[in-house]
Each structure stands twice: as C-alpha cells, then as structure tokens.
C-alpha cells in the first residue's frame, strides 16, 4: 500500500491518483471468490469491482492511519 501511495504522489505526471490506482489494483488486491465461482457478469460484476475499488481507494488515502 505504501508503494501505491508513493505512486499516487506522482499523479501530476502520471495521472495515476489514488482513484485510478484503486480501479486498476482492486480486483487483484481484493479478489472475490464469489465472482470467480459463480461467473458473475454484467451489472453484478461491475458493482462488486466498484465496491472493491472504493475500499482500496479508502485504504490508499488513509495508509498512514491504518498502517
């Protein structure tokens, strides 16, 4: 998480701020066995990934307090 926070600090050059990093990394960091097992697709899968990205973004914006 600290590495991703360091990446977010360079967002003025890379456009990879906490939200974009969360969108990219959330499915890997918070893998959902429900999506994989049941083969969610469409709206259900999108909503699951959205929740994951919100959680990762929260963690990234509060790294110092959490870790």
C-alpha atoms as a PDB file:
ATOM      1  CA  UNK A   1       0.000   0.000   0.000  1.00  0.00           C
ATOM      2  CA  UNK A   2       2.844   2.383   0.759  1.00  0.00           C
ATOM      3  CA  UNK A   3       4.264   1.764  -2.697  1.00  0.00           C
ATOM      4  CA  UNK A   4       0.923   2.607  -4.303  1.00  0.00           C
ATOM      5  CA  UNK A   5       0.757   5.727  -2.152  1.00  0.00           C
ATOM      6  CA  UNK A   6       4.196   6.745  -3.465  1.00  0.00           C
ATOM      7  CA  UNK A   7       2.886   6.196  -6.988  1.00  0.00           C
ATOM      8  CA  UNK A   8      -0.116   8.413  -6.243  1.00  0.00           C
ATOM      9  CA  UNK A   9       2.254  11.184  -5.142  1.00  0.00           C
ATOM     10  CA  UNK A  10       3.423  11.385  -8.773  1.00  0.00           C
ATOM     11  CA  UNK A  11      -0.108  11.740 -10.141  1.00  0.00           C
ATOM     12  CA  UNK A  12       0.604  15.157 -11.628  1.00  0.00           C
ATOM     13  CA  UNK A  13       2.921  13.424 -14.109  1.00  0.00           C
ATOM     14  CA  UNK A  14       1.294  10.022 -14.415  1.00  0.00           C
ATOM     15  CA  UNK A  15      -2.416  10.774 -13.844  1.00  0.00           C
ATOM     16  CA  UNK A  16      -2.458   7.723 -11.559  1.00  0.00           C
ATOM     17  CA  UNK A  17      -4.005   9.246  -8.453  1.00  0.00           C
ATOM     18  CA  UNK A  18      -5.482   7.122  -5.674  1.00  0.00           C
ATOM     19  CA  UNK A  19      -8.779   6.547  -7.508  1.00  0.00           C
ATOM     20  CA  UNK A  20      -7.126   5.332 -10.724  1.00  0.00           C
ATOM     21  CA  UNK A  21      -4.696   3.128  -8.806  1.00  0.00           C
ATOM     22  CA  UNK A  22      -7.616   1.676  -6.852  1.00  0.00           C
ATOM     23  CA  UNK A  23      -9.533   0.874 -10.040  1.00  0.00           C
ATOM     24  CA  UNK A  24      -6.536  -0.925 -11.501  1.00  0.00           C
ATOM     25  CA  UNK A  25      -5.355  -2.755  -8.387  1.00  0.00           C
ATOM     26  CA  UNK A  26      -8.609  -3.528  -6.527  1.00  0.00           C
ATOM     27  CA  UNK A  27      -9.516  -6.697  -8.440  1.00  0.00           C
ATOM     28  CA  UNK A  28      -6.083  -8.141  -7.610  1.00  0.00           C
ATOM     29  CA  UNK A  29      -5.865  -6.974  -4.019  1.00  0.00           C
ATOM     30  CA  UNK A  30      -9.448  -7.879  -3.065  1.00  0.00           C
ATOM     31  CA  UNK A  31     -10.171 -10.823  -5.304  1.00  0.00           C
ATOM     32  CA  UNK A  32     -13.734 -12.032  -4.999  1.00  0.00           C
ATOM     33  CA  UNK A  33     -14.234 -15.791  -4.972  1.00  0.00           C
ATOM     34  CA  UNK A  34     -17.961 -15.161  -5.492  1.00  0.00           C
ATOM     35  CA  UNK A  35     -17.348 -13.565  -8.877  1.00  0.00           C
ATOM     36  CA  UNK A  36     -14.964 -16.333  -9.921  1.00  0.00           C
ATOM     37  CA  UNK A  37     -17.117 -19.199  -8.621  1.00  0.00           C
ATOM     38  CA  UNK A  38     -20.474 -18.086  -9.954  1.00  0.00           C
ATOM     39  CA  UNK A  39     -19.230 -16.404 -13.090  1.00  0.00           C
ATOM     40  CA  UNK A  40     -20.856 -13.039 -12.347  1.00  0.00           C
ATOM     41  CA  UNK A  41     -21.084 -10.876 -15.399  1.00  0.00           C
ATOM     42  CA  UNK A  42     -22.585  -7.566 -16.326  1.00  0.00           C
ATOM     43  CA  UNK A  43     -24.011  -5.367 -13.602  1.00  0.00           C
ATOM     44  CA  UNK A  44     -23.290  -7.679 -10.653  1.00  0.00           C
ATOM     45  CA  UNK A  45     -19.602  -7.975 -11.527  1.00  0.00           C
ATOM     46  CA  UNK A  46     -19.332  -4.232 -12.121  1.00  0.00           C
ATOM     47  CA  UNK A  47     -20.878  -3.458  -8.722  1.00  0.00           C
ATOM     48  CA  UNK A  48     -18.532  -5.890  -6.969  1.00  0.00           C
ATOM     49  CA  UNK A  49     -15.460  -4.333  -8.597  1.00  0.00           C
ATOM     50  CA  UNK A  50     -16.784  -0.863  -7.772  1.00  0.00           C
ATOM     51  CA  UNK A  51     -17.032  -1.753  -4.079  1.00  0.00           C
ATOM     52  CA  UNK A  52     -13.518  -3.217  -4.198  1.00  0.00           C
ATOM     53  CA  UNK A  53     -12.112  -0.060  -5.763  1.00  0.00           C
ATOM     54  CA  UNK A  54     -13.816   2.158  -3.174  1.00  0.00           C
ATOM     55  CA  UNK A  55     -12.280   0.098  -0.363  1.00  0.00           C
ATOM     56  CA  UNK A  56      -8.796   0.226  -1.917  1.00  0.00           C
ATOM     57  CA  UNK A  57      -9.099   3.974  -2.520  1.00  0.00           C
ATOM     58  CA  UNK A  58     -10.059   4.458   1.137  1.00  0.00           C
ATOM     59  CA  UNK A  59      -7.063   2.409   2.246  1.00  0.00           C
ATOM     60  CA  UNK A  60      -4.740   4.388  -0.030  1.00  0.00           C
ATOM     61  CA  UNK A  61      -5.965   7.721   1.264  1.00  0.00           C
ATOM     62  CA  UNK A  62      -5.551   6.560   4.880  1.00  0.00           C
ATOM     63  CA  UNK A  63      -2.344   4.488   4.699  1.00  0.00           C
ATOM     64  CA  UNK A  64      -0.593   6.384   7.488  1.00  0.00           C
ATOM     65  CA  UNK A  65      -3.516   5.958   9.907  1.00  0.00           C
ATOM     66  CA  UNK A  66      -4.115   2.289   9.047  1.00  0.00           C
ATOM     67  CA  UNK A  67      -0.554   1.032   8.886  1.00  0.00           C
END
